[in-house]
Amino acid sequence: MAMTQAERSAKAAGKRQAAQEEELRLRVRPGTKQALADLMAWAELEEQGEALTLMIHHLQALGPAVAVRFLTPPRHEITVSENVAQKLEAACRRQGTRIGSDLIRDFGDSQNA
């Protein structure tokens, strides 16, 4: 007699529990999804889980000295041009002057009340 869907699900759950499987969830943006799709195409893999599992195990096999290079996020260097720096400084001075005059006006109003 064929198993019911509930029986098949229970059997699968028992196998996952015996193997100590744990579900990991990963939210990604389009660029990361595309990078994974490219890697899977290069390796002719169809399952995302298989690709991620293989990558984790191969990276771990490289050892900490090499693997850490691949696990270090890229740092973006921000450079501000002289023109932008001057505009920022001017805006800061205007804002400081406005705040200062607001404080003087507010303080003067409270003294006169």
PDB file of N, CA and C in Angstrom:
ATOM      1  N   MET A   1       0.835  -1.185   0.000  1.00  0.00           N
ATOM      2  CA  MET A   1       0.000   0.000   0.000  1.00  0.00           C
ATOM      3  C   MET A   1       0.880   1.249   0.000  1.00  0.00           C
ATOM      4  N   ALA A   2       0.526   2.252  -0.768  1.00  0.00           N
ATOM      5  CA  ALA A   2       1.302   3.478  -0.879  1.00  0.00           C
ATOM      6  C   ALA A   2       1.149   4.317   0.387  1.00  0.00           C
ATOM      7  N   MET A   3       2.231   5.050   0.706  1.00  0.00           N
ATOM      8  CA  MET A   3       2.194   5.926   1.886  1.00  0.00           C
ATOM      9  C   MET A   3       1.393   7.182   1.568  1.00  0.00           C
ATOM     10  N   THR A   4       0.762   7.716   2.568  1.00  0.00           N
ATOM     11  CA  THR A   4       0.054   8.987   2.403  1.00  0.00           C
ATOM     12  C   THR A   4       1.083  10.118   2.444  1.00  0.00           C
ATOM     13  N   GLN A   5       0.650  11.306   2.059  1.00  0.00           N
ATOM     14  CA  GLN A   5       1.547  12.471   2.103  1.00  0.00           C
ATOM     15  C   GLN A   5       2.043  12.723   3.514  1.00  0.00           C
ATOM     16  N   ALA A   6       1.174  12.583   4.498  1.00  0.00           N
ATOM     17  CA  ALA A   6       1.562  12.799   5.899  1.00  0.00           C
ATOM     18  C   ALA A   6       2.623  11.784   6.325  1.00  0.00           C
ATOM     19  N   GLU A   7       2.483  10.545   5.883  1.00  0.00           N
ATOM     20  CA  GLU A   7       3.477   9.506   6.229  1.00  0.00           C
ATOM     21  C   GLU A   7       4.825   9.803   5.570  1.00  0.00           C
ATOM     22  N   ARG A   8       4.782  10.231   4.305  1.00  0.00           N
ATOM     23  CA  ARG A   8       6.038  10.580   3.608  1.00  0.00           C
ATOM     24  C   ARG A   8       6.715  11.766   4.285  1.00  0.00           C
ATOM     25  N   SER A   9       5.917  12.746   4.675  1.00  0.00           N
ATOM     26  CA  SER A   9       6.478  13.921   5.360  1.00  0.00           C
ATOM     27  C   SER A   9       7.096  13.530   6.697  1.00  0.00           C
ATOM     28  N   ALA A  10       6.412  12.674   7.441  1.00  0.00           N
ATOM     29  CA  ALA A  10       6.936  12.221   8.737  1.00  0.00           C
ATOM     30  C   ALA A  10       8.230  11.442   8.556  1.00  0.00           C
ATOM     31  N   LYS A  11       8.290  10.588   7.531  1.00  0.00           N
ATOM     32  CA  LYS A  11       9.500   9.804   7.261  1.00  0.00           C
ATOM     33  C   LYS A  11      10.665  10.732   6.904  1.00  0.00           C
ATOM     34  N   ALA A  12      10.396  11.728   6.052  1.00  0.00           N
ATOM     35  CA  ALA A  12      11.438  12.690   5.662  1.00  0.00           C
ATOM     36  C   ALA A  12      11.906  13.490   6.866  1.00  0.00           C
ATOM     37  N   ALA A  13      10.968  13.907   7.721  1.00  0.00           N
ATOM     38  CA  ALA A  13      11.331  14.659   8.923  1.00  0.00           C
ATOM     39  C   ALA A  13      12.192  13.812   9.843  1.00  0.00           C
ATOM     40  N   GLY A  14      11.872  12.525   9.957  1.00  0.00           N
ATOM     41  CA  GLY A  14      12.684  11.625  10.774  1.00  0.00           C
ATOM     42  C   GLY A  14      14.096  11.486  10.243  1.00  0.00           C
ATOM     43  N   LYS A  15      14.247  11.394   8.930  1.00  0.00           N
ATOM     44  CA  LYS A  15      15.584  11.303   8.317  1.00  0.00           C
ATOM     45  C   LYS A  15      16.377  12.587   8.567  1.00  0.00           C
ATOM     46  N   ARG A  16      15.701  13.743   8.425  1.00  0.00           N
ATOM     47  CA  ARG A  16      16.396  15.019   8.653  1.00  0.00           C
ATOM     48  C   ARG A  16      16.836  15.129  10.109  1.00  0.00           C
ATOM     49  N   GLN A  17      15.997  14.690  11.019  1.00  0.00           N
ATOM     50  CA  GLN A  17      16.339  14.750  12.438  1.00  0.00           C
ATOM     51  C   GLN A  17      17.493  13.802  12.753  1.00  0.00           C
ATOM     52  N   ALA A  18      17.479  12.610  12.169  1.00  0.00           N
ATOM     53  CA  ALA A  18      18.554  11.643  12.405  1.00  0.00           C
ATOM     54  C   ALA A  18      19.891  12.163  11.874  1.00  0.00           C
ATOM     55  N   ALA A  19      19.847  12.889  10.773  1.00  0.00           N
ATOM     56  CA  ALA A  19      21.071  13.446  10.186  1.00  0.00           C
ATOM     57  C   ALA A  19      21.453  14.774  10.808  1.00  0.00           C
ATOM     58  N   GLN A  20      20.686  15.245  11.754  1.00  0.00           N
ATOM     59  CA  GLN A  20      20.895  16.528  12.438  1.00  0.00           C
ATOM     60  C   GLN A  20      20.908  17.701  11.456  1.00  0.00           C
ATOM     61  N   GLU A  21      20.061  17.610  10.445  1.00  0.00           N
ATOM     62  CA  GLU A  21      19.949  18.696   9.478  1.00  0.00           C
ATOM     63  C   GLU A  21      19.265  19.886  10.123  1.00  0.00           C
ATOM     64  N   GLU A  22      19.700  21.062   9.709  1.00  0.00           N
ATOM     65  CA  GLU A  22      19.111  22.302  10.199  1.00  0.00           C
ATOM     66  C   GLU A  22      18.918  23.228   9.011  1.00  0.00           C
ATOM     67  N   GLU A  23      17.772  23.860   8.943  1.00  0.00           N
ATOM     68  CA  GLU A  23      17.491  24.773   7.844  1.00  0.00           C
ATOM     69  C   GLU A  23      18.126  26.127   8.128  1.00  0.00           C
ATOM     70  N   LEU A  24      18.862  26.637   7.160  1.00  0.00           N
ATOM     71  CA  LEU A  24      19.435  27.979   7.249  1.00  0.00           C
ATOM     72  C   LEU A  24      18.744  28.825   6.187  1.00  0.00           C
ATOM     73  N   ARG A  25      18.357  30.009   6.564  1.00  0.00           N
ATOM     74  CA  ARG A  25      17.700  30.906   5.611  1.00  0.00           C
ATOM     75  C   ARG A  25      18.648  32.050   5.271  1.00  0.00           C
ATOM     76  N   LEU A  26      18.545  32.500   4.041  1.00  0.00           N
ATOM     77  CA  LEU A  26      19.441  33.546   3.573  1.00  0.00           C
ATOM     78  C   LEU A  26      18.659  34.487   2.672  1.00  0.00           C
ATOM     79  N   ARG A  27      18.614  35.744   3.051  1.00  0.00           N
ATOM     80  CA  ARG A  27      17.994  36.765   2.205  1.00  0.00           C
ATOM     81  C   ARG A  27      19.115  37.453   1.436  1.00  0.00           C
ATOM     82  N   VAL A  28      18.928  37.593   0.132  1.00  0.00           N
ATOM     83  CA  VAL A  28      19.958  38.209  -0.702  1.00  0.00           C
ATOM     84  C   VAL A  28      19.347  39.253  -1.622  1.00  0.00           C
ATOM     85  N   ARG A  29      20.187  40.149  -2.059  1.00  0.00           N
ATOM     86  CA  ARG A  29      19.783  41.162  -3.033  1.00  0.00           C
ATOM     87  C   ARG A  29      20.074  40.640  -4.435  1.00  0.00           C
ATOM     88  N   PRO A  30      19.556  41.315  -5.443  1.00  0.00           N
ATOM     89  CA  PRO A  30      19.702  40.815  -6.811  1.00  0.00           C
ATOM     90  C   PRO A  30      21.141  40.541  -7.245  1.00  0.00           C
ATOM     91  N   GLY A  31      22.089  41.370  -6.852  1.00  0.00           N
ATOM     92  CA  GLY A  31      23.475  41.154  -7.263  1.00  0.00           C
ATOM     93  C   GLY A  31      24.051  39.869  -6.695  1.00  0.00           C
ATOM     94  N   THR A  32      23.716  39.570  -5.444  1.00  0.00           N
ATOM     95  CA  THR A  32      24.196  38.337  -4.819  1.00  0.00           C
ATOM     96  C   THR A  32      23.523  37.133  -5.456  1.00  0.00           C
ATOM     97  N   LYS A  33      22.250  37.253  -5.753  1.00  0.00           N
ATOM     98  CA  LYS A  33      21.531  36.157  -6.399  1.00  0.00           C
ATOM     99  C   LYS A  33      22.132  35.870  -7.774  1.00  0.00           C
ATOM    100  N   GLN A  34      22.484  36.920  -8.509  1.00  0.00           N
ATOM    101  CA  GLN A  34      23.086  36.747  -9.830  1.00  0.00           C
ATOM    102  C   GLN A  34      24.459  36.114  -9.724  1.00  0.00           C
ATOM    103  N   ALA A  35      25.236  36.526  -8.709  1.00  0.00           N
ATOM    104  CA  ALA A  35      26.563  35.927  -8.513  1.00  0.00           C
ATOM    105  C   ALA A  35      26.440  34.433  -8.228  1.00  0.00           C
ATOM    106  N   LEU A  36      25.481  34.052  -7.403  1.00  0.00           N
ATOM    107  CA  LEU A  36      25.254  32.631  -7.119  1.00  0.00           C
ATOM    108  C   LEU A  36      24.816  31.898  -8.378  1.00  0.00           C
ATOM    109  N   ALA A  37      23.944  32.513  -9.164  1.00  0.00           N
ATOM    110  CA  ALA A  37      23.493  31.889 -10.417  1.00  0.00           C
ATOM    111  C   ALA A  37      24.664  31.679 -11.371  1.00  0.00           C
ATOM    112  N   ASP A  38      25.572  32.663 -11.447  1.00  0.00           N
ATOM    113  CA  ASP A  38      26.763  32.524 -12.292  1.00  0.00           C
ATOM    114  C   ASP A  38      27.627  31.356 -11.817  1.00  0.00           C
ATOM    115  N   LEU A  39      27.885  31.299 -10.507  1.00  0.00           N
ATOM    116  CA  LEU A  39      28.704  30.214  -9.961  1.00  0.00           C
ATOM    117  C   LEU A  39      28.065  28.854 -10.233  1.00  0.00           C
ATOM    118  N   MET A  40      26.761  28.778 -10.074  1.00  0.00           N
ATOM    119  CA  MET A  40      26.069  27.517 -10.321  1.00  0.00           C
ATOM    120  C   MET A  40      26.160  27.121 -11.795  1.00  0.00           C
ATOM    121  N   ALA A  41      26.054  28.088 -12.687  1.00  0.00           N
ATOM    122  CA  ALA A  41      26.156  27.794 -14.118  1.00  0.00           C
ATOM    123  C   ALA A  41      27.559  27.306 -14.467  1.00  0.00           C
ATOM    124  N   TRP A  42      28.581  27.956 -13.907  1.00  0.00           N
ATOM    125  CA  TRP A  42      29.961  27.545 -14.187  1.00  0.00           C
ATOM    126  C   TRP A  42      30.212  26.107 -13.745  1.00  0.00           C
ATOM    127  N   ALA A  43      29.632  25.729 -12.607  1.00  0.00           N
ATOM    128  CA  ALA A  43      29.847  24.390 -12.052  1.00  0.00           C
ATOM    129  C   ALA A  43      28.762  23.409 -12.496  1.00  0.00           C
ATOM    130  N   GLU A  44      27.821  23.885 -13.321  1.00  0.00           N
ATOM    131  CA  GLU A  44      26.712  23.064 -13.809  1.00  0.00           C
ATOM    132  C   GLU A  44      25.920  22.449 -12.653  1.00  0.00           C
ATOM    133  N   LEU A  45      25.619  23.282 -11.665  1.00  0.00           N
ATOM    134  CA  LEU A  45      24.807  22.872 -10.521  1.00  0.00           C
ATOM    135  C   LEU A  45      23.402  23.421 -10.691  1.00  0.00           C
ATOM    136  N   GLU A  46      22.418  22.673 -10.237  1.00  0.00           N
ATOM    137  CA  GLU A  46      21.033  23.108 -10.362  1.00  0.00           C
ATOM    138  C   GLU A  46      20.417  23.512  -9.029  1.00  0.00           C
ATOM    139  N   GLU A  47      20.952  23.009  -7.933  1.00  0.00           N
ATOM    140  CA  GLU A  47      20.392  23.274  -6.608  1.00  0.00           C
ATOM    141  C   GLU A  47      21.213  24.321  -5.865  1.00  0.00           C
ATOM    142  N   GLN A  48      20.544  25.385  -5.394  1.00  0.00           N
ATOM    143  CA  GLN A  48      21.246  26.424  -4.649  1.00  0.00           C
ATOM    144  C   GLN A  48      21.849  25.866  -3.368  1.00  0.00           C
ATOM    145  N   GLY A  49      21.128  25.015  -2.691  1.00  0.00           N
ATOM    146  CA  GLY A  49      21.624  24.422  -1.446  1.00  0.00           C
ATOM    147  C   GLY A  49      22.903  23.639  -1.666  1.00  0.00           C
ATOM    148  N   GLU A  50      22.957  22.900  -2.759  1.00  0.00           N
ATOM    149  CA  GLU A  50      24.159  22.134  -3.079  1.00  0.00           C
ATOM    150  C   GLU A  50      25.334  23.066  -3.346  1.00  0.00           C
ATOM    151  N   ALA A  51      25.086  24.140  -4.097  1.00  0.00           N
ATOM    152  CA  ALA A  51      26.147  25.095  -4.405  1.00  0.00           C
ATOM    153  C   ALA A  51      26.685  25.744  -3.135  1.00  0.00           C
ATOM    154  N   LEU A  52      25.789  26.170  -2.265  1.00  0.00           N
ATOM    155  CA  LEU A  52      26.219  26.810  -1.020  1.00  0.00           C
ATOM    156  C   LEU A  52      26.967  25.835  -0.121  1.00  0.00           C
ATOM    157  N   THR A  53      26.483  24.601  -0.034  1.00  0.00           N
ATOM    158  CA  THR A  53      27.156  23.594   0.785  1.00  0.00           C
ATOM    159  C   THR A  53      28.569  23.334   0.267  1.00  0.00           C
ATOM    160  N   LEU A  54      28.700  23.174  -1.038  1.00  0.00           N
ATOM    161  CA  LEU A  54      30.030  22.937  -1.623  1.00  0.00           C
ATOM    162  C   LEU A  54      30.962  24.120  -1.377  1.00  0.00           C
ATOM    163  N   MET A  55      30.446  25.327  -1.553  1.00  0.00           N
ATOM    164  CA  MET A  55      31.291  26.507  -1.337  1.00  0.00           C
ATOM    165  C   MET A  55      31.754  26.594   0.108  1.00  0.00           C
ATOM    166  N   ILE A  56      30.871  26.325   1.038  1.00  0.00           N
ATOM    167  CA  ILE A  56      31.234  26.386   2.459  1.00  0.00           C
ATOM    168  C   ILE A  56      32.305  25.367   2.778  1.00  0.00           C
ATOM    169  N   HIS A  57      32.132  24.143   2.312  1.00  0.00           N
ATOM    170  CA  HIS A  57      33.109  23.091   2.625  1.00  0.00           C
ATOM    171  C   HIS A  57      34.458  23.332   1.945  1.00  0.00           C
ATOM    172  N   HIS A  58      34.439  23.796   0.687  1.00  0.00           N
ATOM    173  CA  HIS A  58      35.706  24.075  -0.008  1.00  0.00           C
ATOM    174  C   HIS A  58      36.427  25.263   0.625  1.00  0.00           C
ATOM    175  N   LEU A  59      35.684  26.271   1.019  1.00  0.00           N
ATOM    176  CA  LEU A  59      36.293  27.431   1.667  1.00  0.00           C
ATOM    177  C   LEU A  59      36.891  27.045   3.016  1.00  0.00           C
ATOM    178  N   GLN A  60      36.174  26.241   3.754  1.00  0.00           N
ATOM    179  CA  GLN A  60      36.666  25.788   5.059  1.00  0.00           C
ATOM    180  C   GLN A  60      37.910  24.933   4.891  1.00  0.00           C
ATOM    181  N   ALA A  61      37.989  24.156   3.821  1.00  0.00           N
ATOM    182  CA  ALA A  61      39.152  23.302   3.572  1.00  0.00           C
ATOM    183  C   ALA A  61      40.411  24.114   3.271  1.00  0.00           C
ATOM    184  N   LEU A  62      40.249  25.353   2.829  1.00  0.00           N
ATOM    185  CA  LEU A  62      41.413  26.201   2.545  1.00  0.00           C
ATOM    186  C   LEU A  62      42.158  26.592   3.812  1.00  0.00           C
ATOM    187  N   GLY A  63      41.490  26.533   4.942  1.00  0.00           N
ATOM    188  CA  GLY A  63      42.109  26.912   6.206  1.00  0.00           C
ATOM    189  C   GLY A  63      41.888  28.382   6.511  1.00  0.00           C
ATOM    190  N   PRO A  64      42.127  28.757   7.764  1.00  0.00           N
ATOM    191  CA  PRO A  64      41.796  30.126   8.195  1.00  0.00           C
ATOM    192  C   PRO A  64      42.603  31.210   7.504  1.00  0.00           C
ATOM    193  N   ALA A  65      43.882  30.958   7.228  1.00  0.00           N
ATOM    194  CA  ALA A  65      44.724  32.011   6.644  1.00  0.00           C
ATOM    195  C   ALA A  65      44.230  32.425   5.265  1.00  0.00           C
ATOM    196  N   VAL A  66      43.779  31.467   4.470  1.00  0.00           N
ATOM    197  CA  VAL A  66      43.304  31.775   3.118  1.00  0.00           C
ATOM    198  C   VAL A  66      41.821  32.138   3.132  1.00  0.00           C
ATOM    199  N   ALA A  67      41.031  31.393   3.889  1.00  0.00           N
ATOM    200  CA  ALA A  67      39.581  31.592   3.889  1.00  0.00           C
ATOM    201  C   ALA A  67      39.191  32.988   4.361  1.00  0.00           C
ATOM    202  N   VAL A  68      39.934  33.520   5.330  1.00  0.00           N
ATOM    203  CA  VAL A  68      39.575  34.835   5.870  1.00  0.00           C
ATOM    204  C   VAL A  68      39.659  35.922   4.789  1.00  0.00           C
ATOM    205  N   ARG A  69      40.509  35.742   3.794  1.00  0.00           N
ATOM    206  CA  ARG A  69      40.584  36.712   2.690  1.00  0.00           C
ATOM    207  C   ARG A  69      39.253  36.787   1.949  1.00  0.00           C
ATOM    208  N   PHE A  70      38.595  35.635   1.794  1.00  0.00           N
ATOM    209  CA  PHE A  70      37.328  35.593   1.074  1.00  0.00           C
ATOM    210  C   PHE A  70      36.155  36.011   1.948  1.00  0.00           C
ATOM    211  N   LEU A  71      36.359  36.058   3.245  1.00  0.00           N
ATOM    212  CA  LEU A  71      35.284  36.401   4.172  1.00  0.00           C
ATOM    213  C   LEU A  71      35.403  37.820   4.714  1.00  0.00           C
ATOM    214  N   THR A  72      36.365  38.570   4.208  1.00  0.00           N
ATOM    215  CA  THR A  72      36.532  39.954   4.622  1.00  0.00           C
ATOM    216  C   THR A  72      35.757  40.839   3.657  1.00  0.00           C
ATOM    217  N   PRO A  73      34.760  41.564   4.152  1.00  0.00           N
ATOM    218  CA  PRO A  73      33.975  42.402   3.234  1.00  0.00           C
ATOM    219  C   PRO A  73      34.832  43.513   2.633  1.00  0.00           C
ATOM    220  N   PRO A  74      34.544  43.885   1.401  1.00  0.00           N
ATOM    221  CA  PRO A  74      35.311  44.964   0.780  1.00  0.00           C
ATOM    222  C   PRO A  74      35.044  46.287   1.487  1.00  0.00           C
ATOM    223  N   ARG A  75      36.065  47.075   1.644  1.00  0.00           N
ATOM    224  CA  ARG A  75      35.929  48.388   2.268  1.00  0.00           C
ATOM    225  C   ARG A  75      35.966  49.437   1.171  1.00  0.00           C
ATOM    226  N   HIS A  76      34.998  50.310   1.195  1.00  0.00           N
ATOM    227  CA  HIS A  76      34.905  51.349   0.178  1.00  0.00           C
ATOM    228  C   HIS A  76      35.629  52.586   0.669  1.00  0.00           C
ATOM    229  N   GLU A  77      36.462  53.122  -0.177  1.00  0.00           N
ATOM    230  CA  GLU A  77      37.178  54.347   0.170  1.00  0.00           C
ATOM    231  C   GLU A  77      36.369  55.526  -0.350  1.00  0.00           C
ATOM    232  N   ILE A  78      36.100  56.446   0.543  1.00  0.00           N
ATOM    233  CA  ILE A  78      35.331  57.629   0.162  1.00  0.00           C
ATOM    234  C   ILE A  78      36.290  58.801   0.030  1.00  0.00           C
ATOM    235  N   THR A  79      36.308  59.394  -1.137  1.00  0.00           N
ATOM    236  CA  THR A  79      37.141  60.576  -1.349  1.00  0.00           C
ATOM    237  C   THR A  79      36.211  61.734  -1.721  1.00  0.00           C
ATOM    238  N   VAL A  80      36.451  62.845  -1.100  1.00  0.00           N
ATOM    239  CA  VAL A  80      35.642  64.037  -1.334  1.00  0.00           C
ATOM    240  C   VAL A  80      36.503  65.023  -2.107  1.00  0.00           C
ATOM    241  N   SER A  81      35.972  65.462  -3.247  1.00  0.00           N
ATOM    242  CA  SER A  81      36.725  66.423  -4.054  1.00  0.00           C
ATOM    243  C   SER A  81      36.789  67.767  -3.328  1.00  0.00           C
ATOM    244  N   GLU A  82      37.735  68.583  -3.716  1.00  0.00           N
ATOM    245  CA  GLU A  82      37.897  69.904  -3.104  1.00  0.00           C
ATOM    246  C   GLU A  82      36.633  70.734  -3.276  1.00  0.00           C
ATOM    247  N   ASN A  83      36.002  70.649  -4.452  1.00  0.00           N
ATOM    248  CA  ASN A  83      34.783  71.394  -4.734  1.00  0.00           C
ATOM    249  C   ASN A  83      33.667  70.985  -3.766  1.00  0.00           C
ATOM    250  N   VAL A  84      33.486  69.684  -3.566  1.00  0.00           N
ATOM    251  CA  VAL A  84      32.441  69.191  -2.659  1.00  0.00           C
ATOM    252  C   VAL A  84      32.773  69.582  -1.221  1.00  0.00           C
ATOM    253  N   ALA A  85      34.041  69.488  -0.843  1.00  0.00           N
ATOM    254  CA  ALA A  85      34.451  69.861   0.517  1.00  0.00           C
ATOM    255  C   ALA A  85      34.125  71.323   0.798  1.00  0.00           C
ATOM    256  N   GLN A  86      34.384  72.192  -0.168  1.00  0.00           N
ATOM    257  CA  GLN A  86      34.085  73.616   0.011  1.00  0.00           C
ATOM    258  C   GLN A  86      32.580  73.842   0.166  1.00  0.00           C
ATOM    259  N   LYS A  87      31.788  73.131  -0.627  1.00  0.00           N
ATOM    260  CA  LYS A  87      30.332  73.279  -0.531  1.00  0.00           C
ATOM    261  C   LYS A  87      29.824  72.770   0.820  1.00  0.00           C
ATOM    262  N   LEU A  88      30.373  71.672   1.298  1.00  0.00           N
ATOM    263  CA  LEU A  88      29.980  71.145   2.609  1.00  0.00           C
ATOM    264  C   LEU A  88      30.340  72.118   3.725  1.00  0.00           C
ATOM    265  N   GLU A  89      31.539  72.694   3.654  1.00  0.00           N
ATOM    266  CA  GLU A  89      31.964  73.660   4.672  1.00  0.00           C
ATOM    267  C   GLU A  89      31.068  74.898   4.662  1.00  0.00           C
ATOM    268  N   ALA A  90      30.724  75.385   3.474  1.00  0.00           N
ATOM    269  CA  ALA A  90      29.847  76.548   3.373  1.00  0.00           C
ATOM    270  C   ALA A  90      28.463  76.235   3.945  1.00  0.00           C
ATOM    271  N   ALA A  91      27.945  75.056   3.634  1.00  0.00           N
ATOM    272  CA  ALA A  91      26.635  74.664   4.162  1.00  0.00           C
ATOM    273  C   ALA A  91      26.686  74.539   5.680  1.00  0.00           C
ATOM    274  N   CYS A  92      27.787  74.011   6.194  1.00  0.00           N
ATOM    275  CA  CYS A  92      27.949  73.870   7.648  1.00  0.00           C
ATOM    276  C   CYS A  92      27.980  75.247   8.315  1.00  0.00           C
ATOM    277  N   ARG A  93      28.695  76.191   7.719  1.00  0.00           N
ATOM    278  CA  ARG A  93      28.751  77.544   8.277  1.00  0.00           C
ATOM    279  C   ARG A  93      27.372  78.195   8.265  1.00  0.00           C
ATOM    280  N   ARG A  94      26.640  78.043   7.152  1.00  0.00           N
ATOM    281  CA  ARG A  94      25.286  78.620   7.075  1.00  0.00           C
ATOM    282  C   ARG A  94      24.384  78.008   8.140  1.00  0.00           C
ATOM    283  N   GLN A  95      24.466  76.701   8.297  1.00  0.00           N
ATOM    284  CA  GLN A  95      23.639  76.023   9.292  1.00  0.00           C
ATOM    285  C   GLN A  95      24.020  76.487  10.695  1.00  0.00           C
ATOM    286  N   GLY A  96      25.309  76.608  10.968  1.00  0.00           N
ATOM    287  CA  GLY A  96      25.762  77.063  12.276  1.00  0.00           C
ATOM    288  C   GLY A  96      25.290  78.472  12.565  1.00  0.00           C
ATOM    289  N   THR A  97      25.355  79.342  11.569  1.00  0.00           N
ATOM    290  CA  THR A  97      24.891  80.721  11.732  1.00  0.00           C
ATOM    291  C   THR A  97      23.392  80.741  12.004  1.00  0.00           C
ATOM    292  N   ARG A  98      22.634  79.929  11.271  1.00  0.00           N
ATOM    293  CA  ARG A  98      21.181  79.876  11.454  1.00  0.00           C
ATOM    294  C   ARG A  98      20.837  79.362  12.844  1.00  0.00           C
ATOM    295  N   ILE A  99      21.503  78.315  13.274  1.00  0.00           N
ATOM    296  CA  ILE A  99      21.227  77.756  14.602  1.00  0.00           C
ATOM    297  C   ILE A  99      21.586  78.770  15.681  1.00  0.00           C
ATOM    298  N   GLY A 100      22.739  79.430  15.500  1.00  0.00           N
ATOM    299  CA  GLY A 100      23.163  80.433  16.475  1.00  0.00           C
ATOM    300  C   GLY A 100      22.176  81.579  16.575  1.00  0.00           C
ATOM    301  N   SER A 101      21.685  82.061  15.426  1.00  0.00           N
ATOM    302  CA  SER A 101      20.733  83.177  15.460  1.00  0.00           C
ATOM    303  C   SER A 101      19.396  82.721  16.038  1.00  0.00           C
ATOM    304  N   ASP A 102      19.005  81.476  15.794  1.00  0.00           N
ATOM    305  CA  ASP A 102      17.770  80.945  16.393  1.00  0.00           C
ATOM    306  C   ASP A 102      17.905  80.882  17.905  1.00  0.00           C
ATOM    307  N   LEU A 103      19.060  80.468  18.397  1.00  0.00           N
ATOM    308  CA  LEU A 103      19.270  80.379  19.839  1.00  0.00           C
ATOM    309  C   LEU A 103      19.228  81.760  20.482  1.00  0.00           C
ATOM    310  N   ILE A 104      19.872  82.728  19.831  1.00  0.00           N
ATOM    311  CA  ILE A 104      19.887  84.094  20.363  1.00  0.00           C
ATOM    312  C   ILE A 104      18.468  84.653  20.386  1.00  0.00           C
ATOM    313  N   ARG A 105      17.714  84.421  19.290  1.00  0.00           N
ATOM    314  CA  ARG A 105      16.341  84.919  19.221  1.00  0.00           C
ATOM    315  C   ARG A 105      15.474  84.244  20.289  1.00  0.00           C
ATOM    316  N   ASP A 106      15.572  82.911  20.404  1.00  0.00           N
ATOM    317  CA  ASP A 106      14.773  82.190  21.386  1.00  0.00           C
ATOM    318  C   ASP A 106      15.142  82.583  22.821  1.00  0.00           C
ATOM    319  N   PHE A 107      16.416  82.734  23.073  1.00  0.00           N
ATOM    320  CA  PHE A 107      16.871  83.098  24.407  1.00  0.00           C
ATOM    321  C   PHE A 107      16.415  84.515  24.748  1.00  0.00           C
ATOM    322  N   GLY A 108      16.510  85.418  23.771  1.00  0.00           N
ATOM    323  CA  GLY A 108      16.064  86.790  23.982  1.00  0.00           C
ATOM    324  C   GLY A 108      14.581  86.858  24.239  1.00  0.00           C
ATOM    325  N   ASP A 109      13.785  86.049  23.524  1.00  0.00           N
ATOM    326  CA  ASP A 109      12.341  86.023  23.742  1.00  0.00           C
ATOM    327  C   ASP A 109      12.006  85.521  25.120  1.00  0.00           C
ATOM    328  N   SER A 110      12.740  84.531  25.606  1.00  0.00           N
ATOM    329  CA  SER A 110      12.448  83.981  26.934  1.00  0.00           C
ATOM    330  C   SER A 110      12.845  84.977  28.034  1.00  0.00           C
ATOM    331  N   GLN A 111      13.852  85.809  27.792  1.00  0.00           N
ATOM    332  CA  GLN A 111      14.285  86.816  28.761  1.00  0.00           C
ATOM    333  C   GLN A 111      13.277  87.952  28.855  1.00  0.00           C
ATOM    334  N   ASN A 112      12.628  88.263  27.722  1.00  0.00           N
ATOM    335  CA  ASN A 112      11.667  89.376  27.682  1.00  0.00           C
ATOM    336  C   ASN A 112      10.304  88.974  28.217  1.00  0.00           C
ATOM    337  N   ALA A 113      10.060  87.665  28.344  1.00  0.00           N
ATOM    338  CA  ALA A 113       8.729  87.218  28.769  1.00  0.00           C
ATOM    339  C   ALA A 113       8.498  87.345  30.255  1.00  0.00           C
TER     340      ALA A 113
END
